[in-house]
């Protein structure tokens, strides 16, 4: 390249030439580049997904911990069953993993025809798996079936509920430590029932609140009787060792005593021991409130056979 005039005057400009060329090259290379734009919505969705994942994992951990820290799964013992049932529809309750399980059992021609789950608080997958044993019970006409692996608690609850219902249908079975309610049901239903004799009662009672004791199936029970205006106005059960379903059924006779103003009432069928204990306890309380000349005698109870 030839320069006109003095070449030295071009030297300063030549010094900037490489820098200018480099700038042009960078500008050309970045011509098609678009800077990324970070969306706030995207940030929010990412954070939300992260939070949901964390929450799900925590829930799973808590549920796993709850399962692993639960007491060892109960066992269901084989029972001696009579297989004789009265036709009808019966309900029974057992205890699953989360709480009560209630079933409905249909008896036709003395046989188990159908079993339906009415209510349960166990998780659906486990309850559904355990429910497979209900068909086995119907097929075998027996509750002596195996529990479903992986759903033991729900299985035990269902078997217990079916056995409870079958007791009401007149079935009999031996004591089962895994199902204490069943054992109590067997004893109250199948032992020789006690009898309650009719007694001559006092002509009147003194106002006040009186307590009395009697003997139910599980032992001593205590009641509180309120007398107002010379009449029995209220009866409360203070303590009892009898199983709740039978005690609750028997307690219906307390209203009969108040209505009749007499303890000469019938025992509740299927809860005779509890009924006798309550009548005896009320009579014992009223003996302290008696003002008449007639003597109040305790309920006559036949001796209970040893279990």
Protein backbone atom coordinates (compact mmCIF):
# COMPACT_ATOMS: atom_id res chain seq x y z
CA UNK A 1 0.00 0.00 0.00
CA UNK A 2 1.34 3.35 -0.93
CA UNK A 3 0.75 6.41 1.14
CA UNK A 4 0.78 9.82 -0.29
CA UNK A 5 2.68 12.38 1.62
CA UNK A 6 4.44 11.63 4.85
CA UNK A 7 3.67 8.02 6.01
CA UNK A 8 4.34 8.85 9.63
CA UNK A 9 1.18 10.86 9.93
CA UNK A 10 -0.86 7.64 9.35
CA UNK A 11 0.79 5.62 12.12
CA UNK A 12 -1.63 6.63 14.98
CA UNK A 13 -4.64 5.54 12.94
CA UNK A 14 -3.05 2.20 12.09
CA UNK A 15 -2.65 1.50 15.80
CA UNK A 16 -6.45 1.37 16.28
CA UNK A 17 -7.08 -0.88 13.28
CA UNK A 18 -6.88 -4.30 15.04
CA UNK A 19 -9.28 -3.15 17.79
CA UNK A 20 -11.80 -1.91 15.22
CA UNK A 21 -11.62 -5.17 13.27
CA UNK A 22 -12.20 -7.17 16.48
CA UNK A 23 -15.23 -5.07 17.39
CA UNK A 24 -16.73 -5.59 13.94
CA UNK A 25 -16.27 -9.37 14.23
CA UNK A 26 -17.96 -9.50 17.66
CA UNK A 27 -20.88 -7.41 16.42
CA UNK A 28 -21.36 -9.73 13.43
CA UNK A 29 -21.23 -12.90 15.60
CA UNK A 30 -23.80 -11.54 18.05
CA UNK A 31 -26.14 -10.32 15.40
CA UNK A 32 -28.53 -13.30 15.70
CA UNK A 33 -28.23 -13.75 19.50
CA UNK A 34 -31.31 -13.16 21.68
CA UNK A 35 -30.82 -12.73 25.40
CA UNK A 36 -32.91 -15.14 27.55
CA UNK A 37 -35.89 -13.64 29.39
CA UNK A 38 -36.63 -15.17 32.81
CA UNK A 39 -40.41 -15.37 33.33
CA UNK A 40 -41.74 -14.72 36.84
CA UNK A 41 -44.48 -17.25 36.13
CA UNK A 42 -41.88 -19.88 35.35
CA UNK A 43 -40.10 -19.10 38.60
CA UNK A 44 -43.37 -19.41 40.53
CA UNK A 45 -44.27 -22.73 38.86
CA UNK A 46 -40.83 -24.12 39.59
CA UNK A 47 -41.05 -23.08 43.22
CA UNK A 48 -44.58 -24.46 43.52
CA UNK A 49 -43.56 -27.82 42.04
CA UNK A 50 -40.63 -27.96 44.42
CA UNK A 51 -42.93 -27.23 47.37
CA UNK A 52 -45.48 -29.84 46.25
CA UNK A 53 -42.74 -32.45 45.86
CA UNK A 54 -41.38 -31.64 49.31
CA UNK A 55 -44.86 -31.81 50.88
CA UNK A 56 -45.64 -35.12 49.18
CA UNK A 57 -42.35 -36.59 50.37
CA UNK A 58 -43.02 -35.42 53.92
CA UNK A 59 -46.50 -36.93 53.89
CA UNK A 60 -45.09 -40.19 52.58
CA UNK A 61 -42.44 -40.17 55.30
CA UNK A 62 -45.05 -39.53 58.01
CA UNK A 63 -47.31 -42.28 56.69
CA UNK A 64 -44.38 -44.70 56.47
CA UNK A 65 -43.36 -43.80 60.01
CA UNK A 66 -46.91 -44.35 61.24
CA UNK A 67 -46.97 -47.81 59.68
CA UNK A 68 -43.55 -48.86 60.88
CA UNK A 69 -44.12 -47.66 64.44
CA UNK A 70 -47.49 -49.42 64.78
CA UNK A 71 -47.57 -52.31 67.22
CA UNK A 72 -47.01 -55.79 65.76
CA UNK A 73 -49.97 -56.99 63.72
CA UNK A 74 -52.48 -59.02 65.73
CA UNK A 75 -53.08 -62.67 65.04
CA UNK A 76 -56.47 -64.28 64.50
CA UNK A 77 -56.88 -67.60 66.26
CA UNK A 78 -58.90 -70.44 64.82
CA UNK A 79 -62.27 -70.88 66.52
CA UNK A 80 -64.67 -73.72 67.07
CA UNK A 81 -67.81 -72.61 65.24
CA UNK A 82 -71.27 -74.16 65.38
CA UNK A 83 -72.27 -73.07 61.87
CA UNK A 84 -75.90 -72.79 62.98
CA UNK A 85 -77.39 -69.36 62.34
CA UNK A 86 -80.83 -67.77 62.34
CA UNK A 87 -81.98 -66.23 59.06
CA UNK A 88 -81.82 -62.46 58.96
CA UNK A 89 -79.52 -59.49 58.43
CA UNK A 90 -77.01 -58.73 61.16
CA UNK A 91 -74.35 -56.07 61.73
CA UNK A 92 -71.08 -56.48 63.56
CA UNK A 93 -68.10 -54.31 64.43
CA UNK A 94 -64.37 -54.99 64.63
CA UNK A 95 -61.24 -52.86 64.92
CA UNK A 96 -59.02 -52.26 61.89
CA UNK A 97 -55.81 -50.23 61.56
CA UNK A 98 -57.45 -46.81 61.90
CA UNK A 99 -60.54 -47.66 63.95
CA UNK A 100 -63.92 -49.42 63.82
CA UNK A 101 -65.03 -51.50 60.84
CA UNK A 102 -68.72 -52.37 60.52
CA UNK A 103 -70.09 -55.13 58.30
CA UNK A 104 -73.51 -56.48 57.42
CA UNK A 105 -73.98 -60.25 57.23
CA UNK A 106 -77.01 -61.82 55.52
CA UNK A 107 -78.09 -65.31 56.64
CA UNK A 108 -80.42 -67.37 54.44
CA UNK A 109 -81.45 -70.97 55.11
CA UNK A 110 -79.09 -70.99 58.05
CA UNK A 111 -76.07 -70.19 55.88
CA UNK A 112 -73.92 -67.11 55.35
CA UNK A 113 -75.25 -65.66 52.11
CA UNK A 114 -73.56 -62.26 51.79
CA UNK A 115 -71.18 -59.95 53.65
CA UNK A 116 -71.01 -56.20 52.98
CA UNK A 117 -68.71 -53.57 54.49
CA UNK A 118 -70.88 -50.74 55.80
CA UNK A 119 -68.20 -48.40 57.16
CA UNK A 120 -64.46 -48.28 57.83
CA UNK A 121 -61.73 -45.72 58.40
CA UNK A 122 -58.84 -47.82 57.05
CA UNK A 123 -57.14 -46.64 53.86
CA UNK A 124 -59.00 -47.86 50.78
CA UNK A 125 -56.20 -49.93 49.16
CA UNK A 126 -55.64 -51.99 52.31
CA UNK A 127 -59.34 -52.41 53.03
CA UNK A 128 -59.98 -53.45 49.44
CA UNK A 129 -57.22 -56.05 49.58
CA UNK A 130 -58.44 -57.40 52.91
CA UNK A 131 -62.05 -57.62 51.67
CA UNK A 132 -61.05 -60.58 49.49
CA UNK A 133 -61.30 -62.80 52.57
CA UNK A 134 -65.06 -62.08 52.83
CA UNK A 135 -65.71 -64.29 49.78
CA UNK A 136 -63.65 -67.02 51.42
CA UNK A 137 -65.77 -66.79 54.57
CA UNK A 138 -68.93 -67.19 52.47
CA UNK A 139 -67.42 -70.07 50.48
CA UNK A 140 -66.18 -71.93 53.56
CA UNK A 141 -69.09 -70.91 55.81
CA UNK A 142 -66.43 -70.18 58.42
CA UNK A 143 -64.42 -67.23 59.73
CA UNK A 144 -61.36 -69.43 60.12
CA UNK A 145 -59.65 -67.92 57.09
CA UNK A 146 -56.17 -66.52 56.59
CA UNK A 147 -55.52 -62.78 56.77
CA UNK A 148 -54.46 -61.02 53.57
CA UNK A 149 -50.71 -60.38 53.42
CA UNK A 150 -49.93 -56.66 53.57
CA UNK A 151 -53.36 -55.83 55.00
CA UNK A 152 -53.29 -57.73 58.28
CA UNK A 153 -54.92 -55.08 60.47
CA UNK A 154 -57.82 -54.59 58.07
CA UNK A 155 -58.16 -58.38 57.75
CA UNK A 156 -58.36 -58.83 61.53
CA UNK A 157 -60.91 -56.02 61.76
CA UNK A 158 -63.11 -57.64 59.11
CA UNK A 159 -62.93 -61.11 60.64
CA UNK A 160 -63.70 -59.66 64.06
CA UNK A 161 -66.69 -57.74 62.65
CA UNK A 162 -68.09 -60.82 60.88
CA UNK A 163 -67.71 -62.92 64.02
CA UNK A 164 -69.48 -60.22 66.03
CA UNK A 165 -72.39 -60.26 63.58
CA UNK A 166 -72.56 -64.07 63.56
CA UNK A 167 -72.82 -64.10 67.33
CA UNK A 168 -76.02 -62.11 66.99
CA UNK A 169 -77.24 -64.70 64.49
CA UNK A 170 -76.92 -67.41 67.14
CA UNK A 171 -73.52 -68.81 66.24
CA UNK A 172 -71.16 -70.04 68.92
CA UNK A 173 -67.40 -70.14 69.09
CA UNK A 174 -64.60 -70.56 71.56
CA UNK A 175 -62.80 -67.70 73.26
CA UNK A 176 -60.37 -65.76 71.08
CA UNK A 177 -57.81 -63.56 72.81
CA UNK A 178 -57.29 -61.53 69.64
CA UNK A 179 -60.98 -60.66 69.57
CA UNK A 180 -62.04 -59.96 73.17
CA UNK A 181 -65.47 -58.63 72.19
CA UNK A 182 -66.27 -61.95 70.57
CA UNK A 183 -65.27 -63.86 73.70
CA UNK A 184 -67.62 -61.75 75.83
CA UNK A 185 -70.41 -62.18 73.32
CA UNK A 186 -70.03 -65.93 73.44
CA UNK A 187 -70.22 -66.04 77.19
CA UNK A 188 -73.31 -63.82 77.56
CA UNK A 189 -75.11 -65.61 74.76
CA UNK A 190 -74.23 -69.22 75.44
CA UNK A 191 -73.78 -69.59 79.17
CA UNK A 192 -76.80 -70.66 81.18
CA UNK A 193 -78.73 -67.38 81.55
CA UNK A 194 -79.46 -66.01 85.02
CA UNK A 195 -83.04 -65.43 86.11
CA UNK A 196 -84.57 -62.38 87.76
CA UNK A 197 -87.38 -63.16 90.20
CA UNK A 198 -90.34 -60.87 90.72
CA UNK A 199 -90.21 -59.22 94.16
CA UNK A 200 -92.60 -57.30 96.35
CA UNK A 201 -91.43 -53.70 96.42
CA UNK A 202 -91.74 -50.89 99.01
CA UNK A 203 -94.84 -48.75 99.00
CA UNK A 204 -92.81 -45.54 98.78
CA UNK A 205 -89.29 -44.14 98.62
CA UNK A 206 -87.58 -41.25 100.39
CA UNK A 207 -86.30 -38.46 98.16
CA UNK A 208 -82.56 -38.51 97.63
CA UNK A 209 -79.73 -39.93 95.55
CA UNK A 210 -78.76 -43.53 96.28
CA UNK A 211 -76.10 -45.90 94.98
CA UNK A 212 -76.33 -49.65 94.71
CA UNK A 213 -74.26 -52.53 93.37
CA UNK A 214 -75.01 -55.69 91.47
CA UNK A 215 -73.07 -58.39 89.65
CA UNK A 216 -72.92 -58.37 85.86
CA UNK A 217 -71.02 -60.69 83.56
CA UNK A 218 -67.66 -59.02 84.08
CA UNK A 219 -68.07 -58.39 87.80
CA UNK A 220 -69.46 -55.68 90.02
CA UNK A 221 -71.44 -52.81 88.57
CA UNK A 222 -72.65 -49.68 90.36
CA UNK A 223 -75.68 -47.50 89.65
CA UNK A 224 -76.99 -44.21 91.00
CA UNK A 225 -80.74 -43.86 91.53
CA UNK A 226 -82.44 -40.49 92.04
CA UNK A 227 -85.78 -40.36 93.87
CA UNK A 228 -87.79 -37.13 93.70
CA UNK A 229 -91.37 -36.63 94.91
CA UNK A 230 -91.32 -40.21 96.14
CA UNK A 231 -90.74 -41.48 92.59
CA UNK A 232 -87.78 -42.90 90.69
CA UNK A 233 -86.78 -40.11 88.31
CA UNK A 234 -83.32 -41.10 87.07
CA UNK A 235 -80.92 -44.06 87.00
CA UNK A 236 -77.28 -43.72 85.95
CA UNK A 237 -74.63 -46.42 85.52
CA UNK A 238 -71.55 -45.31 87.48
CA UNK A 239 -69.24 -48.24 86.76
CA UNK A 240 -69.25 -51.64 85.12
CA UNK A 241 -66.79 -54.18 83.74
CA UNK A 242 -69.21 -55.65 81.21
CA UNK A 243 -68.44 -55.12 77.53
CA UNK A 244 -69.95 -51.94 76.14
CA UNK A 245 -72.32 -53.42 73.47
CA UNK A 246 -74.05 -55.68 75.99
CA UNK A 247 -74.13 -53.11 78.76
CA UNK A 248 -75.60 -50.58 76.34
CA UNK A 249 -78.30 -53.02 75.24
CA UNK A 250 -79.13 -53.95 78.83
CA UNK A 251 -79.31 -50.30 79.89
CA UNK A 252 -82.59 -49.97 77.95
CA UNK A 253 -84.37 -51.64 80.86
CA UNK A 254 -83.51 -48.67 83.12
CA UNK A 255 -86.07 -46.56 81.30
CA UNK A 256 -88.58 -49.39 81.74
CA UNK A 257 -87.95 -49.32 85.50
CA UNK A 258 -88.59 -45.57 85.60
CA UNK A 259 -91.72 -45.87 83.47
CA UNK A 260 -93.13 -48.74 85.52
CA UNK A 261 -91.78 -47.41 88.86
CA UNK A 262 -90.80 -51.00 89.47
CA UNK A 263 -87.76 -53.24 89.09
CA UNK A 264 -89.97 -56.15 88.03
CA UNK A 265 -89.03 -55.75 84.38
CA UNK A 266 -87.81 -58.22 81.78
CA UNK A 267 -84.12 -58.72 81.06
CA UNK A 268 -82.86 -57.71 77.62
CA UNK A 269 -82.44 -60.73 75.34
CA UNK A 270 -78.80 -61.36 74.47
CA UNK A 271 -77.55 -59.30 77.42
CA UNK A 272 -79.08 -61.24 80.30
CA UNK A 273 -76.09 -61.10 82.63
CA UNK A 274 -75.77 -57.34 82.26
CA UNK A 275 -79.53 -56.95 82.66
CA UNK A 276 -79.55 -58.97 85.87
CA UNK A 277 -76.64 -56.99 87.28
CA UNK A 278 -78.42 -53.69 86.60
CA UNK A 279 -81.70 -54.81 88.15
CA UNK A 280 -79.86 -56.12 91.18
CA UNK A 281 -77.94 -52.85 91.55
CA UNK A 282 -81.11 -50.73 91.27
CA UNK A 283 -82.87 -52.88 93.88
CA UNK A 284 -79.87 -52.56 96.16
CA UNK A 285 -80.00 -48.77 95.85
CA UNK A 286 -83.75 -48.59 96.39
CA UNK A 287 -83.47 -50.70 99.53
CA UNK A 288 -81.75 -47.69 101.11
CA UNK A 289 -84.59 -45.42 100.00
CA UNK A 290 -87.46 -47.67 101.07
CA UNK A 291 -90.03 -46.31 103.53
CA UNK A 292 -92.69 -49.03 103.20
CA UNK A 293 -92.96 -52.23 105.21
CA UNK A 294 -92.43 -54.57 102.29
CA UNK A 295 -88.98 -56.06 102.05
CA UNK A 296 -86.89 -55.47 98.95
CA UNK A 297 -84.93 -58.57 98.02
CA UNK A 298 -82.04 -58.71 95.59
CA UNK A 299 -82.43 -60.17 92.14
CA UNK A 300 -82.12 -63.93 92.10
CA UNK A 301 -79.19 -64.89 89.91
CA UNK A 302 -78.20 -68.41 89.00
CA UNK A 303 -74.55 -69.19 89.53
CA UNK A 304 -72.44 -68.43 86.49
CA UNK A 305 -70.58 -71.36 85.02
CA UNK A 306 -66.79 -70.97 84.93
CA UNK A 307 -65.42 -70.06 81.54
